[in-house]
């Protein structure tokens, strides 16, 4: 779990720091006009972390899961959410 978490964080934060250049060079966005669009992944991660943390605390406090399985589920769902957001950022083109 530690290795998975470390690798996922390294990939995520490398990805996040490259979003502005990717949007400018690949998606051809003018970053001066689309600053909010560049900030959306950070806002989304902050909201998702807060909501999922509160939800998992609630599940553990009600006795539905113990701490270790709850942490594993949180880690799994968090990594999957990140993977889906990375896939959605790719340009959508048709291949003939």
N, C-alpha and C. Protein backbone atom coordinates (compact mmCIF):
# COMPACT_ATOMS: atom_id res chain seq x y z
N UNK A 1 0.83 -1.19 0.00
CA UNK A 1 0.00 0.00 0.00
C UNK A 1 0.87 1.25 0.00
N UNK A 2 2.00 1.20 0.70
CA UNK A 2 2.89 2.36 0.76
C UNK A 2 3.50 2.63 -0.61
N UNK A 3 3.93 1.57 -1.29
CA UNK A 3 4.53 1.73 -2.62
C UNK A 3 3.49 2.26 -3.61
N UNK A 4 2.30 1.71 -3.57
CA UNK A 4 1.23 2.17 -4.46
C UNK A 4 0.92 3.63 -4.22
N UNK A 5 0.79 4.00 -2.96
CA UNK A 5 0.47 5.39 -2.61
C UNK A 5 1.58 6.33 -3.06
N UNK A 6 2.82 5.94 -2.83
CA UNK A 6 3.96 6.78 -3.23
C UNK A 6 4.00 6.96 -4.74
N UNK A 7 3.85 5.88 -5.48
CA UNK A 7 3.87 5.96 -6.94
C UNK A 7 2.70 6.78 -7.48
N UNK A 8 1.53 6.59 -6.91
CA UNK A 8 0.36 7.34 -7.35
C UNK A 8 0.54 8.83 -7.08
N UNK A 9 1.05 9.18 -5.91
CA UNK A 9 1.27 10.60 -5.61
C UNK A 9 2.33 11.21 -6.51
N UNK A 10 3.40 10.48 -6.76
CA UNK A 10 4.45 10.99 -7.63
C UNK A 10 3.89 11.27 -9.02
N UNK A 11 3.15 10.31 -9.55
CA UNK A 11 2.55 10.48 -10.88
C UNK A 11 1.54 11.60 -10.91
N UNK A 12 0.71 11.69 -9.89
CA UNK A 12 -0.33 12.71 -9.85
C UNK A 12 0.27 14.10 -9.78
N UNK A 13 1.23 14.32 -8.90
CA UNK A 13 1.79 15.66 -8.76
C UNK A 13 2.69 16.03 -9.94
N UNK A 14 3.32 15.06 -10.58
CA UNK A 14 4.05 15.34 -11.82
C UNK A 14 3.06 15.76 -12.89
N UNK A 15 1.95 15.06 -12.95
CA UNK A 15 0.89 15.37 -13.91
C UNK A 15 0.31 16.77 -13.65
N UNK A 16 0.01 17.07 -12.40
CA UNK A 16 -0.58 18.36 -12.07
C UNK A 16 0.33 19.53 -12.41
N UNK A 17 1.62 19.36 -12.20
CA UNK A 17 2.53 20.46 -12.51
C UNK A 17 2.70 20.67 -14.00
N UNK A 18 2.37 19.67 -14.81
CA UNK A 18 2.49 19.80 -16.26
C UNK A 18 1.19 20.15 -16.96
N UNK A 19 0.10 20.25 -16.24
CA UNK A 19 -1.19 20.56 -16.87
C UNK A 19 -1.16 21.87 -17.65
N UNK A 20 -0.65 22.97 -17.08
CA UNK A 20 -0.67 24.22 -17.86
C UNK A 20 0.07 24.11 -19.20
N UNK A 21 1.27 23.50 -19.22
CA UNK A 21 1.98 23.38 -20.49
C UNK A 21 1.24 22.46 -21.45
N UNK A 22 0.65 21.38 -20.93
CA UNK A 22 -0.11 20.45 -21.77
C UNK A 22 -1.29 21.16 -22.41
N UNK A 23 -2.00 21.95 -21.61
CA UNK A 23 -3.16 22.66 -22.14
C UNK A 23 -2.74 23.68 -23.21
N UNK A 24 -1.59 24.30 -23.02
CA UNK A 24 -1.13 25.30 -23.98
C UNK A 24 -0.60 24.65 -25.26
N UNK A 25 0.24 23.62 -25.13
CA UNK A 25 0.93 23.06 -26.28
C UNK A 25 0.15 21.99 -27.03
N UNK A 26 -0.68 21.23 -26.33
CA UNK A 26 -1.40 20.12 -26.98
C UNK A 26 -2.84 20.50 -27.27
N UNK A 27 -3.51 21.09 -26.29
CA UNK A 27 -4.92 21.44 -26.46
C UNK A 27 -5.12 22.86 -26.99
N UNK A 28 -4.03 23.64 -27.12
CA UNK A 28 -4.05 24.99 -27.67
C UNK A 28 -4.97 25.95 -26.93
N UNK A 29 -4.97 25.88 -25.60
CA UNK A 29 -5.71 26.83 -24.78
C UNK A 29 -4.83 28.03 -24.48
N UNK A 30 -5.44 29.20 -24.44
CA UNK A 30 -4.74 30.39 -23.99
C UNK A 30 -4.88 30.43 -22.46
N UNK A 31 -3.78 30.18 -21.77
CA UNK A 31 -3.85 30.03 -20.31
C UNK A 31 -4.22 31.31 -19.60
N UNK A 32 -3.95 32.48 -20.20
CA UNK A 32 -4.33 33.74 -19.56
C UNK A 32 -5.85 33.86 -19.49
N UNK A 33 -6.54 33.31 -20.48
CA UNK A 33 -7.99 33.37 -20.51
C UNK A 33 -8.64 32.20 -19.79
N UNK A 34 -7.89 31.10 -19.61
CA UNK A 34 -8.47 29.88 -19.03
C UNK A 34 -7.78 29.47 -17.74
N UNK A 35 -7.46 30.44 -16.90
CA UNK A 35 -6.80 30.14 -15.62
C UNK A 35 -7.66 29.26 -14.73
N UNK A 36 -8.96 29.50 -14.72
CA UNK A 36 -9.86 28.68 -13.89
C UNK A 36 -9.86 27.23 -14.37
N UNK A 37 -9.80 27.04 -15.68
CA UNK A 37 -9.77 25.69 -16.22
C UNK A 37 -8.52 24.95 -15.77
N UNK A 38 -7.40 25.66 -15.69
CA UNK A 38 -6.16 25.04 -15.21
C UNK A 38 -6.23 24.72 -13.73
N UNK A 39 -7.03 25.48 -12.99
CA UNK A 39 -7.14 25.27 -11.55
C UNK A 39 -8.16 24.19 -11.17
N UNK A 40 -9.01 23.80 -12.10
CA UNK A 40 -10.07 22.82 -11.78
C UNK A 40 -9.55 21.50 -11.21
N UNK A 41 -8.46 20.92 -11.73
CA UNK A 41 -7.98 19.68 -11.11
C UNK A 41 -7.60 19.85 -9.64
N UNK A 42 -6.98 20.98 -9.30
CA UNK A 42 -6.61 21.23 -7.91
C UNK A 42 -7.85 21.39 -7.03
N UNK A 43 -8.83 22.12 -7.53
CA UNK A 43 -10.08 22.31 -6.79
C UNK A 43 -10.79 20.97 -6.61
N UNK A 44 -10.82 20.18 -7.69
CA UNK A 44 -11.47 18.86 -7.62
C UNK A 44 -10.78 17.92 -6.64
N UNK A 45 -9.43 17.91 -6.65
CA UNK A 45 -8.70 17.05 -5.71
C UNK A 45 -8.96 17.48 -4.27
N UNK A 46 -8.95 18.78 -4.04
CA UNK A 46 -9.21 19.27 -2.68
C UNK A 46 -10.59 18.88 -2.18
N UNK A 47 -11.60 19.05 -3.04
CA UNK A 47 -12.97 18.69 -2.67
C UNK A 47 -13.10 17.18 -2.47
N UNK A 48 -12.52 16.40 -3.38
CA UNK A 48 -12.62 14.94 -3.28
C UNK A 48 -11.94 14.41 -2.03
N UNK A 49 -10.79 14.96 -1.68
CA UNK A 49 -10.09 14.52 -0.48
C UNK A 49 -10.91 14.83 0.76
N UNK A 50 -11.47 16.03 0.82
CA UNK A 50 -12.27 16.41 1.99
C UNK A 50 -13.52 15.55 2.13
N UNK A 51 -14.22 15.36 1.03
CA UNK A 51 -15.47 14.59 1.08
C UNK A 51 -15.20 13.12 1.38
N UNK A 52 -14.21 12.52 0.70
CA UNK A 52 -13.94 11.11 0.92
C UNK A 52 -13.39 10.86 2.32
N UNK A 53 -12.60 11.78 2.85
CA UNK A 53 -12.10 11.64 4.22
C UNK A 53 -13.23 11.66 5.24
N UNK A 54 -14.15 12.61 5.06
CA UNK A 54 -15.29 12.69 5.97
C UNK A 54 -16.18 11.46 5.85
N UNK A 55 -16.38 10.99 4.63
CA UNK A 55 -17.21 9.80 4.42
C UNK A 55 -16.59 8.56 5.05
N UNK A 56 -15.28 8.38 4.87
CA UNK A 56 -14.62 7.21 5.47
C UNK A 56 -14.58 7.30 6.99
N UNK A 57 -14.41 8.49 7.55
CA UNK A 57 -14.50 8.65 9.00
C UNK A 57 -15.88 8.26 9.52
N UNK A 58 -16.92 8.64 8.78
CA UNK A 58 -18.29 8.30 9.16
C UNK A 58 -18.48 6.78 9.12
N UNK A 59 -17.98 6.13 8.06
CA UNK A 59 -18.12 4.68 7.92
C UNK A 59 -17.41 3.96 9.06
N UNK A 60 -16.22 4.42 9.43
CA UNK A 60 -15.47 3.79 10.52
C UNK A 60 -16.16 4.05 11.86
N UNK A 61 -16.67 5.28 12.06
CA UNK A 61 -17.33 5.59 13.34
C UNK A 61 -18.62 4.79 13.54
N UNK A 62 -19.30 4.45 12.45
CA UNK A 62 -20.53 3.64 12.54
C UNK A 62 -20.23 2.15 12.63
N UNK A 63 -18.95 1.77 12.51
CA UNK A 63 -18.57 0.37 12.63
C UNK A 63 -18.82 -0.45 11.38
N UNK A 64 -19.06 0.21 10.24
CA UNK A 64 -19.30 -0.52 9.00
C UNK A 64 -18.02 -1.13 8.44
N UNK A 65 -16.90 -0.47 8.68
CA UNK A 65 -15.58 -0.97 8.28
C UNK A 65 -14.59 -0.65 9.38
N UNK A 66 -13.57 -1.48 9.50
CA UNK A 66 -12.48 -1.15 10.41
C UNK A 66 -11.53 -0.19 9.68
N UNK A 67 -10.57 0.36 10.43
CA UNK A 67 -9.69 1.38 9.86
C UNK A 67 -8.89 0.89 8.66
N UNK A 68 -8.28 -0.28 8.77
CA UNK A 68 -7.41 -0.76 7.68
C UNK A 68 -8.18 -0.98 6.39
N UNK A 69 -9.32 -1.70 6.39
CA UNK A 69 -10.08 -1.83 5.13
C UNK A 69 -10.59 -0.49 4.60
N UNK A 70 -10.95 0.41 5.50
CA UNK A 70 -11.43 1.72 5.07
C UNK A 70 -10.30 2.48 4.37
N UNK A 71 -9.10 2.40 4.90
CA UNK A 71 -7.95 3.06 4.27
C UNK A 71 -7.65 2.43 2.91
N UNK A 72 -7.76 1.11 2.82
CA UNK A 72 -7.51 0.44 1.54
C UNK A 72 -8.55 0.86 0.50
N UNK A 73 -9.82 0.93 0.90
CA UNK A 73 -10.87 1.36 -0.02
C UNK A 73 -10.64 2.81 -0.44
N UNK A 74 -10.28 3.66 0.51
CA UNK A 74 -10.01 5.06 0.18
C UNK A 74 -8.86 5.20 -0.79
N UNK A 75 -7.81 4.44 -0.57
CA UNK A 75 -6.65 4.47 -1.46
C UNK A 75 -7.02 3.97 -2.85
N UNK A 76 -7.76 2.88 -2.92
CA UNK A 76 -8.16 2.32 -4.21
C UNK A 76 -9.07 3.28 -4.97
N UNK A 77 -10.09 3.80 -4.31
CA UNK A 77 -11.01 4.71 -4.98
C UNK A 77 -10.31 6.01 -5.38
N UNK A 78 -9.42 6.50 -4.56
CA UNK A 78 -8.69 7.71 -4.88
C UNK A 78 -7.79 7.53 -6.09
N UNK A 79 -7.10 6.40 -6.17
CA UNK A 79 -6.24 6.14 -7.32
C UNK A 79 -7.06 5.95 -8.59
N UNK A 80 -8.20 5.30 -8.49
CA UNK A 80 -9.06 5.11 -9.66
C UNK A 80 -9.63 6.44 -10.15
N UNK A 81 -10.01 7.29 -9.23
CA UNK A 81 -10.55 8.61 -9.58
C UNK A 81 -9.48 9.42 -10.33
N UNK A 82 -8.23 9.34 -9.86
CA UNK A 82 -7.13 10.04 -10.52
C UNK A 82 -6.90 9.48 -11.92
N UNK A 83 -6.94 8.18 -12.05
CA UNK A 83 -6.72 7.55 -13.37
C UNK A 83 -7.80 7.99 -14.35
N UNK A 84 -9.04 8.03 -13.92
CA UNK A 84 -10.14 8.44 -14.80
C UNK A 84 -9.96 9.90 -15.22
N UNK A 85 -9.56 10.77 -14.29
CA UNK A 85 -9.37 12.17 -14.65
C UNK A 85 -8.22 12.35 -15.63
N UNK A 86 -7.19 11.54 -15.52
CA UNK A 86 -6.08 11.62 -16.48
C UNK A 86 -6.52 11.17 -17.86
N UNK A 87 -7.31 10.13 -17.92
CA UNK A 87 -7.80 9.62 -19.21
C UNK A 87 -8.72 10.65 -19.87
N UNK A 88 -9.55 11.31 -19.07
CA UNK A 88 -10.48 12.29 -19.64
C UNK A 88 -9.79 13.52 -20.18
N UNK A 89 -8.56 13.80 -19.74
CA UNK A 89 -7.85 14.98 -20.21
C UNK A 89 -7.22 14.77 -21.59
N UNK A 90 -7.16 13.53 -22.04
CA UNK A 90 -6.54 13.27 -23.34
C UNK A 90 -7.40 13.84 -24.45
N UNK A 91 -6.77 14.30 -25.53
CA UNK A 91 -7.56 14.84 -26.63
C UNK A 91 -8.39 13.73 -27.29
N UNK A 92 -9.58 14.08 -27.68
CA UNK A 92 -10.48 13.10 -28.30
C UNK A 92 -10.43 13.30 -29.82
N UNK A 93 -9.74 12.42 -30.50
CA UNK A 93 -9.64 12.48 -31.95
C UNK A 93 -10.05 11.15 -32.52
N UNK A 94 -10.49 11.16 -33.76
CA UNK A 94 -10.85 9.90 -34.41
C UNK A 94 -9.63 9.34 -35.11
N UNK A 95 -9.50 8.04 -35.08
CA UNK A 95 -8.39 7.36 -35.74
C UNK A 95 -8.96 6.60 -36.94
N UNK A 96 -8.45 6.90 -38.10
CA UNK A 96 -8.95 6.23 -39.31
C UNK A 96 -8.05 5.12 -39.72
